[in-house]
Amino acid sequence: MPPHELLAAARADGCQVRLDDSGAPRLSGTAEAKARRAKELGAQREGVVAELQVEAEKAEAASLAEAVRHIDEAARLVWNEMTRTWTWEPEEEDDGE
């Protein structure tokens, strides 16, 4: 943004604009504070997004663990049913006679 547009935008926003030794516009402490706050909020947002990702991964892991428990329970029930109706009969030994 050209300096004159920056000056106009800053003044419209209620910020005081000063010129430094080279004649370049310098924003007031209020504008710098706003910029710092925006940066802090951006960092805070990134932290929240990271926390949400961790929580989503935990939920997914819990969901997978629950699915494994259901599969294990179903397999156990099938095994119990199979062994309940199954009878073992020893094979007759062949004496060769």
C-alpha atoms as a PDB file:
ATOM      1  CA  MET A   1       0.000   0.000   0.000  1.00  0.00           C
ATOM      2  CA  PRO A   2       1.450   3.394  -0.914  1.00  0.00           C
ATOM      3  CA  PRO A   3       2.303   5.655   2.027  1.00  0.00           C
ATOM      4  CA  HIS A   4      -0.473   8.159   1.315  1.00  0.00           C
ATOM      5  CA  GLU A   5      -3.080   5.335   1.307  1.00  0.00           C
ATOM      6  CA  LEU A   6      -1.617   3.931   4.521  1.00  0.00           C
ATOM      7  CA  LEU A   7      -1.854   7.384   6.113  1.00  0.00           C
ATOM      8  CA  ALA A   8      -5.462   7.812   4.986  1.00  0.00           C
ATOM      9  CA  ALA A   9      -6.491   4.337   6.165  1.00  0.00           C
ATOM     10  CA  ALA A  10      -4.784   4.758   9.524  1.00  0.00           C
ATOM     11  CA  ARG A  11      -6.363   8.163  10.091  1.00  0.00           C
ATOM     12  CA  ALA A  12      -9.775   6.824   9.083  1.00  0.00           C
ATOM     13  CA  ASP A  13      -9.308   4.073  11.671  1.00  0.00           C
ATOM     14  CA  GLY A  14      -8.585   6.709  14.317  1.00  0.00           C
ATOM     15  CA  CYS A  15      -4.874   5.985  14.573  1.00  0.00           C
ATOM     16  CA  GLN A  16      -2.246   8.614  14.864  1.00  0.00           C
ATOM     17  CA  VAL A  17       0.404   8.436  12.195  1.00  0.00           C
ATOM     18  CA  ARG A  18       3.868   9.885  12.564  1.00  0.00           C
ATOM     19  CA  LEU A  19       6.678  10.070  10.092  1.00  0.00           C
ATOM     20  CA  ASP A  20      10.047   8.646  10.991  1.00  0.00           C
ATOM     21  CA  ASP A  21      13.399  10.264  10.141  1.00  0.00           C
ATOM     22  CA  SER A  22      13.239   8.954   6.587  1.00  0.00           C
ATOM     23  CA  GLY A  23       9.732  10.332   6.062  1.00  0.00           C
ATOM     24  CA  ALA A  24       8.068   6.926   6.114  1.00  0.00           C
ATOM     25  CA  PRO A  25       4.802   6.721   8.054  1.00  0.00           C
ATOM     26  CA  ARG A  26       4.980   5.135  11.488  1.00  0.00           C
ATOM     27  CA  LEU A  27       1.835   3.940  13.177  1.00  0.00           C
ATOM     28  CA  SER A  28       0.993   5.026  16.682  1.00  0.00           C
ATOM     29  CA  GLY A  29       1.224   2.773  19.687  1.00  0.00           C
ATOM     30  CA  THR A  30      -2.493   2.023  19.359  1.00  0.00           C
ATOM     31  CA  ALA A  31      -2.100   0.689  15.827  1.00  0.00           C
ATOM     32  CA  GLU A  32       0.947  -1.333  16.839  1.00  0.00           C
ATOM     33  CA  ALA A  33      -0.984  -2.725  19.797  1.00  0.00           C
ATOM     34  CA  LYS A  34      -3.810  -3.725  17.442  1.00  0.00           C
ATOM     35  CA  ALA A  35      -1.308  -5.480  15.185  1.00  0.00           C
ATOM     36  CA  ARG A  36       0.267  -7.295  18.143  1.00  0.00           C
ATOM     37  CA  ARG A  37      -3.165  -8.355  19.382  1.00  0.00           C
ATOM     38  CA  ALA A  38      -4.092  -9.684  15.948  1.00  0.00           C
ATOM     39  CA  LYS A  39      -0.847 -11.674  15.902  1.00  0.00           C
ATOM     40  CA  GLU A  40      -1.561 -13.038  19.395  1.00  0.00           C
ATOM     41  CA  LEU A  41      -5.079 -14.031  18.384  1.00  0.00           C
ATOM     42  CA  GLY A  42      -3.717 -15.794  15.318  1.00  0.00           C
ATOM     43  CA  ALA A  43      -1.292 -17.770  17.481  1.00  0.00           C
ATOM     44  CA  GLN A  44      -4.074 -18.520  19.950  1.00  0.00           C
ATOM     45  CA  ARG A  45      -6.272 -19.748  17.098  1.00  0.00           C
ATOM     46  CA  GLU A  46      -3.504 -22.068  15.901  1.00  0.00           C
ATOM     47  CA  GLY A  47      -3.231 -23.462  19.429  1.00  0.00           C
ATOM     48  CA  VAL A  48      -6.970 -24.096  19.613  1.00  0.00           C
ATOM     49  CA  VAL A  49      -6.913 -25.816  16.219  1.00  0.00           C
ATOM     50  CA  ALA A  50      -4.050 -28.047  17.404  1.00  0.00           C
ATOM     51  CA  GLU A  51      -5.966 -28.926  20.587  1.00  0.00           C
ATOM     52  CA  LEU A  52      -9.065 -29.768  18.552  1.00  0.00           C
ATOM     53  CA  GLN A  53      -7.010 -32.025  16.304  1.00  0.00           C
ATOM     54  CA  VAL A  54      -5.649 -33.869  19.348  1.00  0.00           C
ATOM     55  CA  GLU A  55      -9.168 -34.276  20.753  1.00  0.00           C
ATOM     56  CA  ALA A  56     -10.411 -35.572  17.383  1.00  0.00           C
ATOM     57  CA  GLU A  57      -7.584 -38.120  17.277  1.00  0.00           C
ATOM     58  CA  LYS A  58      -8.414 -39.242  20.833  1.00  0.00           C
ATOM     59  CA  ALA A  59     -12.087 -39.625  19.907  1.00  0.00           C
ATOM     60  CA  GLU A  60     -11.161 -41.619  16.815  1.00  0.00           C
ATOM     61  CA  ALA A  61      -8.886 -43.891  18.868  1.00  0.00           C
ATOM     62  CA  ALA A  62     -11.645 -44.411  21.440  1.00  0.00           C
ATOM     63  CA  SER A  63     -14.105 -45.217  18.661  1.00  0.00           C
ATOM     64  CA  LEU A  64     -11.702 -47.760  17.160  1.00  0.00           C
ATOM     65  CA  ALA A  65     -11.107 -49.315  20.578  1.00  0.00           C
ATOM     66  CA  GLU A  66     -14.866 -49.620  21.089  1.00  0.00           C
ATOM     67  CA  ALA A  67     -15.220 -51.280  17.668  1.00  0.00           C
ATOM     68  CA  VAL A  68     -12.487 -53.771  18.567  1.00  0.00           C
ATOM     69  CA  ARG A  69     -14.300 -54.565  21.838  1.00  0.00           C
ATOM     70  CA  HIS A  70     -17.524 -55.238  19.908  1.00  0.00           C
ATOM     71  CA  ILE A  71     -15.741 -57.481  17.423  1.00  0.00           C
ATOM     72  CA  ASP A  72     -14.011 -59.346  20.257  1.00  0.00           C
ATOM     73  CA  GLU A  73     -17.327 -59.835  22.058  1.00  0.00           C
ATOM     74  CA  ALA A  74     -18.984 -61.100  18.864  1.00  0.00           C
ATOM     75  CA  ALA A  75     -16.128 -63.527  18.235  1.00  0.00           C
ATOM     76  CA  ARG A  76     -16.357 -64.786  21.818  1.00  0.00           C
ATOM     77  CA  LEU A  77     -20.117 -65.333  21.480  1.00  0.00           C
ATOM     78  CA  VAL A  78     -19.632 -67.240  18.217  1.00  0.00           C
ATOM     79  CA  TRP A  79     -16.886 -69.363  19.786  1.00  0.00           C
ATOM     80  CA  ASN A  80     -19.065 -70.111  22.814  1.00  0.00           C
ATOM     81  CA  GLU A  81     -21.939 -71.148  20.571  1.00  0.00           C
ATOM     82  CA  MET A  82     -19.676 -73.334  18.468  1.00  0.00           C
ATOM     83  CA  THR A  83     -18.105 -75.080  21.446  1.00  0.00           C
ATOM     84  CA  ARG A  84     -21.451 -75.507  23.217  1.00  0.00           C
ATOM     85  CA  THR A  85     -22.843 -77.633  20.388  1.00  0.00           C
ATOM     86  CA  TRP A  86     -19.615 -79.381  19.457  1.00  0.00           C
ATOM     87  CA  THR A  87     -18.801 -82.776  20.918  1.00  0.00           C
ATOM     88  CA  TRP A  88     -15.445 -84.367  20.822  1.00  0.00           C
ATOM     89  CA  GLU A  89     -15.156 -88.017  19.998  1.00  0.00           C
ATOM     90  CA  PRO A  90     -11.761 -89.629  20.215  1.00  0.00           C
ATOM     91  CA  GLU A  91     -10.547 -91.374  17.140  1.00  0.00           C
ATOM     92  CA  GLU A  92     -10.323 -95.127  17.337  1.00  0.00           C
ATOM     93  CA  GLU A  93      -6.782 -96.355  17.267  1.00  0.00           C
ATOM     94  CA  ASP A  94      -5.898 -98.715  14.478  1.00  0.00           C
ATOM     95  CA  ASP A  95      -3.902-101.617  15.929  1.00  0.00           C
ATOM     96  CA  GLY A  96      -3.113-102.902  12.511  1.00  0.00           C
ATOM     97  CA  GLU A  97      -5.155-106.058  12.991  1.00  0.00           C
END
